[in-house]
Amino acid sequence: MDIAYTTAGFSVGAIVGLTGVGGGSLMTPLLVLLFGIHPSVAVGTDLLYAAITKAGGTLAHGLKGTVDWSITRRLAYGSIPAAALTLLVLGQVAPGGIGGATGLIKVALGVALLLTAVAIIFRKQIQDFALRHSEGRENPRRTATLTVVTGAVLGVLVSISSVGAGALGVSALFFLYPRLPTLRIIGSDIAHAVPLTLVAGIGHWMLGSVDWSLLGSLLIGSLPGIWLGSHISTRVPDRVLRPILAGMLVLVGSKLIAA
């Protein structure tokens, strides 16, 4: 099974390298539906997996100067407390602790996948809409407040489902900062995902829902997968990849919700 996990990690890593999204959106449901991993363990393990893999992306974006650290801080002000509080409540209130919240995790994961699919398909339209409606309406204080609120929403969603820090975070930032270059939005979102997934992952570890052997097997496959996907991404049209990925997320998300 270790080889199977490594193969899965390589496949998901390649997709992330090709499209820039799909890590948590594919890895967690893959572990739940294909390998039969308990949802809470799949989420907890995937969170630490994301923290490690996205740390490299943050370093690269930071060196290029494509991270707006003020935006990253605002998101973190909302997301980290929200993630910690969500896990505390789940661990104390859910019957059987975090392990007993299987139904909630599956539904949250399914909803997150469907929202991610919408964000992937309509990313360009979202950005264009935000630009058209931002003329003369800039309000820095309101934008800062909404960024913290967005972080809190992402913190709850990510801590329960491990999904949301990627495509959903980027789409929200397009709305809030329509004039910011796309590369800086992506870099800021990736940088924010590292502390969020790390804190949420540590929370899951403390609740006993992290499989370290599984994590190691996934990383062994995903790191070369991301490298390969990044190198061939220029040869595969984005207009082909994104609809396929979105369709996969819709199918998987619907299955999880209906399960």
Protein backbone atom coordinates (compact mmCIF):
# COMPACT_ATOMS: atom_id res chain seq x y z
CA MET A 1 0.00 0.00 0.00
CA ASP A 2 2.95 2.32 0.53
CA ILE A 3 3.68 2.13 -3.22
CA ALA A 4 0.04 2.91 -3.95
CA TYR A 5 0.14 5.95 -1.68
CA THR A 6 3.36 7.13 -3.30
CA THR A 7 1.80 6.71 -6.75
CA ALA A 8 -1.24 8.70 -5.61
CA GLY A 9 1.06 11.41 -4.28
CA PHE A 10 2.93 11.54 -7.57
CA SER A 11 -0.32 11.80 -9.57
CA VAL A 12 -1.77 14.58 -7.43
CA GLY A 13 1.59 16.37 -7.37
CA ALA A 14 1.72 16.30 -11.17
CA ILE A 15 -1.79 17.79 -11.37
CA VAL A 16 -0.83 20.54 -8.93
CA GLY A 17 2.24 21.29 -11.03
CA LEU A 18 0.14 21.41 -14.19
CA THR A 19 -2.78 23.50 -12.95
CA GLY A 20 -1.64 25.23 -9.77
CA VAL A 21 -4.64 23.82 -7.87
CA GLY A 22 -5.97 20.45 -6.86
CA GLY A 23 -3.75 19.42 -3.93
CA GLY A 24 -6.25 19.22 -1.08
CA SER A 25 -9.14 19.11 -3.53
CA LEU A 26 -7.93 15.78 -4.92
CA MET A 27 -5.75 14.23 -2.23
CA THR A 28 -8.29 14.11 0.59
CA PRO A 29 -11.19 12.63 -1.44
CA LEU A 30 -8.72 10.21 -3.07
CA LEU A 31 -7.65 8.94 0.35
CA VAL A 32 -11.25 8.65 1.54
CA LEU A 33 -12.93 7.15 -1.52
CA LEU A 34 -10.13 5.07 -3.09
CA PHE A 35 -8.08 3.94 -0.10
CA GLY A 36 -10.80 3.93 2.55
CA ILE A 37 -8.85 6.18 4.93
CA HIS A 38 -10.99 7.58 7.76
CA PRO A 39 -12.08 11.13 6.76
CA SER A 40 -10.57 12.78 9.85
CA VAL A 41 -7.20 11.05 9.27
CA ALA A 42 -7.29 11.93 5.55
CA VAL A 43 -7.94 15.59 6.37
CA GLY A 44 -5.32 15.79 9.13
CA THR A 45 -2.62 14.07 7.09
CA ASP A 46 -3.39 16.13 3.99
CA LEU A 47 -3.12 19.38 5.98
CA LEU A 48 0.48 18.64 7.01
CA TYR A 49 1.18 17.40 3.47
CA ALA A 50 -0.04 20.77 2.14
CA ALA A 51 1.99 22.76 4.68
CA ILE A 52 5.22 21.02 3.64
CA THR A 53 4.64 21.16 -0.13
CA LYS A 54 3.44 24.78 -0.13
CA ALA A 55 6.39 25.93 1.98
CA GLY A 56 8.57 25.47 -1.09
CA GLY A 57 6.13 27.50 -3.18
CA THR A 58 6.15 30.27 -0.59
CA LEU A 59 9.94 30.40 -0.65
CA ALA A 60 9.95 30.68 -4.44
CA HIS A 61 7.29 33.43 -4.48
CA GLY A 62 8.99 35.26 -1.61
CA LEU A 63 12.31 35.35 -3.45
CA LYS A 64 10.53 36.68 -6.55
CA GLY A 65 8.79 39.39 -4.51
CA THR A 66 5.34 38.12 -5.47
CA VAL A 67 3.93 37.88 -1.94
CA ASP A 68 1.96 40.76 -0.42
CA TRP A 69 2.74 40.06 3.23
CA SER A 70 0.15 42.55 4.51
CA ILE A 71 -2.61 40.54 2.81
CA THR A 72 -1.12 37.30 4.11
CA ARG A 73 -1.12 38.67 7.67
CA ARG A 74 -4.73 39.84 7.42
CA LEU A 75 -5.86 36.44 6.22
CA ALA A 76 -3.90 34.75 9.00
CA TYR A 77 -5.43 37.03 11.65
CA GLY A 78 -8.78 35.48 10.80
CA SER A 79 -7.88 31.97 9.69
CA ILE A 80 -5.55 30.73 12.42
CA PRO A 81 -7.83 31.52 15.40
CA ALA A 82 -10.83 30.20 13.44
CA ALA A 83 -9.05 26.94 12.62
CA ALA A 84 -7.93 26.43 16.22
CA LEU A 85 -11.41 27.18 17.58
CA THR A 86 -13.09 24.89 15.03
CA LEU A 87 -10.87 21.95 15.93
CA LEU A 88 -11.33 22.64 19.65
CA VAL A 89 -15.10 22.59 19.25
CA LEU A 90 -15.06 19.46 17.08
CA GLY A 91 -12.77 17.67 19.52
CA GLN A 92 -14.96 18.52 22.50
CA VAL A 93 -18.49 18.54 21.10
CA ALA A 94 -18.61 15.90 18.35
CA PRO A 95 -19.55 12.40 19.62
CA GLY A 96 -16.31 10.43 19.66
CA GLY A 97 -14.24 13.59 19.15
CA ILE A 98 -12.84 14.49 15.74
CA GLY A 99 -13.04 10.84 14.71
CA GLY A 100 -16.79 10.88 15.32
CA ALA A 101 -17.41 13.80 12.99
CA THR A 102 -17.21 11.64 9.86
CA GLY A 103 -20.54 12.77 8.42
CA LEU A 104 -19.80 16.46 8.95
CA ILE A 105 -16.34 16.14 7.40
CA LYS A 106 -17.68 14.34 4.31
CA VAL A 107 -20.40 16.94 3.71
CA ALA A 108 -18.00 19.85 4.31
CA LEU A 109 -15.48 18.26 1.96
CA GLY A 110 -18.13 17.73 -0.72
CA VAL A 111 -19.38 21.33 -0.50
CA ALA A 112 -15.81 22.65 -0.56
CA LEU A 113 -15.06 20.63 -3.70
CA LEU A 114 -18.14 21.95 -5.49
CA LEU A 115 -17.26 25.55 -4.56
CA THR A 116 -13.68 24.96 -5.73
CA ALA A 117 -14.96 23.65 -9.08
CA VAL A 118 -17.02 26.82 -9.55
CA ALA A 119 -14.02 28.97 -8.62
CA ILE A 120 -11.82 27.13 -11.13
CA ILE A 121 -14.32 27.42 -14.00
CA PHE A 122 -15.27 31.07 -13.44
CA ARG A 123 -11.93 32.47 -12.21
CA LYS A 124 -11.54 34.86 -15.17
CA GLN A 125 -15.17 36.03 -14.94
CA ILE A 126 -14.76 36.62 -11.20
CA GLN A 127 -11.70 38.77 -11.78
CA ASP A 128 -13.37 40.76 -14.58
CA PHE A 129 -16.52 41.33 -12.48
CA ALA A 130 -14.46 42.58 -9.54
CA LEU A 131 -12.52 44.98 -11.77
CA ARG A 132 -15.70 46.45 -13.31
CA HIS A 133 -17.28 47.10 -9.92
CA SER A 134 -14.23 48.49 -8.16
CA GLU A 135 -14.09 51.83 -9.97
CA GLY A 136 -14.09 54.61 -7.37
CA ARG A 137 -15.19 52.26 -4.59
CA GLU A 138 -11.88 51.51 -2.91
CA ASN A 139 -12.18 51.50 0.87
CA PRO A 140 -8.93 50.25 2.44
CA ARG A 141 -10.38 49.80 5.93
CA ARG A 142 -13.38 47.81 4.70
CA THR A 143 -11.14 45.71 2.44
CA ALA A 144 -8.83 44.93 5.35
CA THR A 145 -11.79 43.89 7.53
CA LEU A 146 -13.25 41.70 4.80
CA THR A 147 -9.84 40.07 4.30
CA VAL A 148 -9.75 39.06 7.97
CA VAL A 149 -13.33 37.73 7.69
CA THR A 150 -12.37 35.80 4.54
CA GLY A 151 -9.46 34.29 6.44
CA ALA A 152 -11.80 33.18 9.22
CA VAL A 153 -14.13 31.46 6.75
CA LEU A 154 -11.19 29.72 5.09
CA GLY A 155 -9.89 28.68 8.52
CA VAL A 156 -13.14 26.91 9.38
CA LEU A 157 -13.45 25.25 5.98
CA VAL A 158 -9.81 24.14 5.75
CA SER A 159 -9.69 22.74 9.29
CA ILE A 160 -12.75 20.56 8.61
CA SER A 161 -12.15 19.53 5.00
CA SER A 162 -8.52 20.51 4.15
CA VAL A 163 -9.97 22.22 1.04
CA GLY A 164 -10.33 25.94 0.39
CA ALA A 165 -6.89 27.48 0.86
CA GLY A 166 -6.18 27.25 -2.90
CA ALA A 167 -8.78 28.08 -5.51
CA LEU A 168 -11.33 29.50 -3.04
CA GLY A 169 -8.72 31.73 -1.41
CA VAL A 170 -7.50 33.03 -4.75
CA SER A 171 -11.07 33.74 -5.94
CA ALA A 172 -11.84 35.67 -2.75
CA LEU A 173 -8.68 37.76 -3.17
CA PHE A 174 -9.64 38.54 -6.77
CA PHE A 175 -12.84 40.09 -5.41
CA LEU A 176 -11.09 42.00 -2.63
CA TYR A 177 -8.00 43.14 -4.57
CA PRO A 178 -9.03 43.25 -8.26
CA ARG A 179 -6.16 45.56 -9.23
CA LEU A 180 -3.46 43.42 -7.66
CA PRO A 181 -1.44 41.42 -10.24
CA THR A 182 -2.55 37.80 -10.48
CA LEU A 183 0.90 36.48 -9.57
CA ARG A 184 0.90 38.47 -6.32
CA ILE A 185 -2.56 37.17 -5.45
CA ILE A 186 -1.44 33.58 -6.02
CA GLY A 187 1.80 34.14 -4.10
CA SER A 188 -0.03 35.74 -1.16
CA ASP A 189 -2.57 32.92 -1.06
CA ILE A 190 0.14 30.23 -1.07
CA ALA A 191 2.05 32.04 1.68
CA HIS A 192 -1.12 32.21 3.80
CA ALA A 193 -1.84 28.51 3.23
CA VAL A 194 1.39 27.45 4.96
CA PRO A 195 0.66 28.70 8.51
CA LEU A 196 -3.04 27.85 8.16
CA THR A 197 -2.50 24.24 7.10
CA LEU A 198 0.36 23.86 9.59
CA VAL A 199 -1.73 25.05 12.55
CA ALA A 200 -4.75 23.00 11.45
CA GLY A 201 -2.52 19.98 10.81
CA ILE A 202 -0.92 20.24 14.25
CA GLY A 203 -4.42 20.51 15.72
CA HIS A 204 -5.43 17.28 13.97
CA TRP A 205 -2.21 15.64 15.18
CA MET A 206 -3.02 16.58 18.77
CA LEU A 207 -6.48 15.05 18.25
CA GLY A 208 -4.86 11.85 16.91
CA SER A 209 -5.92 12.18 13.27
CA VAL A 210 -2.56 12.19 11.44
CA ASP A 211 -0.94 9.11 9.88
CA TRP A 212 2.80 9.87 9.69
CA SER A 213 3.65 6.82 7.59
CA LEU A 214 0.99 7.81 5.08
CA LEU A 215 2.31 11.38 5.05
CA GLY A 216 5.82 10.20 4.24
CA SER A 217 4.62 7.96 1.41
CA LEU A 218 2.62 10.82 -0.14
CA LEU A 219 5.54 13.25 0.02
CA ILE A 220 7.94 10.78 -1.61
CA GLY A 221 5.66 10.71 -4.65
CA SER A 222 4.34 14.26 -4.71
CA LEU A 223 7.60 16.20 -4.73
CA PRO A 224 8.88 14.71 -8.03
CA GLY A 225 5.30 14.84 -9.35
CA ILE A 226 5.08 18.58 -8.76
CA TRP A 227 8.48 19.07 -10.42
CA LEU A 228 7.42 17.09 -13.50
CA GLY A 229 4.02 18.75 -13.77
CA SER A 230 5.55 22.22 -13.53
CA HIS A 231 7.96 21.45 -16.36
CA ILE A 232 5.32 20.17 -18.80
CA SER A 233 2.61 22.65 -17.84
CA THR A 234 3.49 24.97 -20.73
CA ARG A 235 2.73 22.19 -23.23
CA VAL A 236 -0.82 21.49 -22.06
CA PRO A 237 -3.47 24.18 -22.72
CA ASP A 238 -4.96 25.62 -19.52
CA ARG A 239 -8.39 25.77 -21.20
CA VAL A 240 -8.28 21.96 -21.45
CA LEU A 241 -6.95 21.16 -17.99
CA ARG A 242 -9.18 23.35 -15.85
CA PRO A 243 -12.58 22.07 -17.11
CA ILE A 244 -11.38 18.47 -16.66
CA LEU A 245 -10.21 19.18 -13.11
CA ALA A 246 -13.45 21.04 -12.30
CA GLY A 247 -15.51 18.14 -13.66
CA MET A 248 -13.62 15.69 -11.48
CA LEU A 249 -14.24 17.85 -8.41
CA VAL A 250 -17.98 18.06 -9.14
CA LEU A 251 -18.26 14.29 -9.46
CA VAL A 252 -16.25 13.59 -6.31
CA GLY A 253 -17.95 16.32 -4.30
CA SER A 254 -21.41 15.07 -5.27
CA LYS A 255 -20.46 11.53 -4.28
CA LEU A 256 -19.21 12.63 -0.87
CA ILE A 257 -22.34 14.67 -0.14
CA ALA A 258 -24.62 11.80 -1.24
CA ALA A 259 -22.66 9.16 0.72
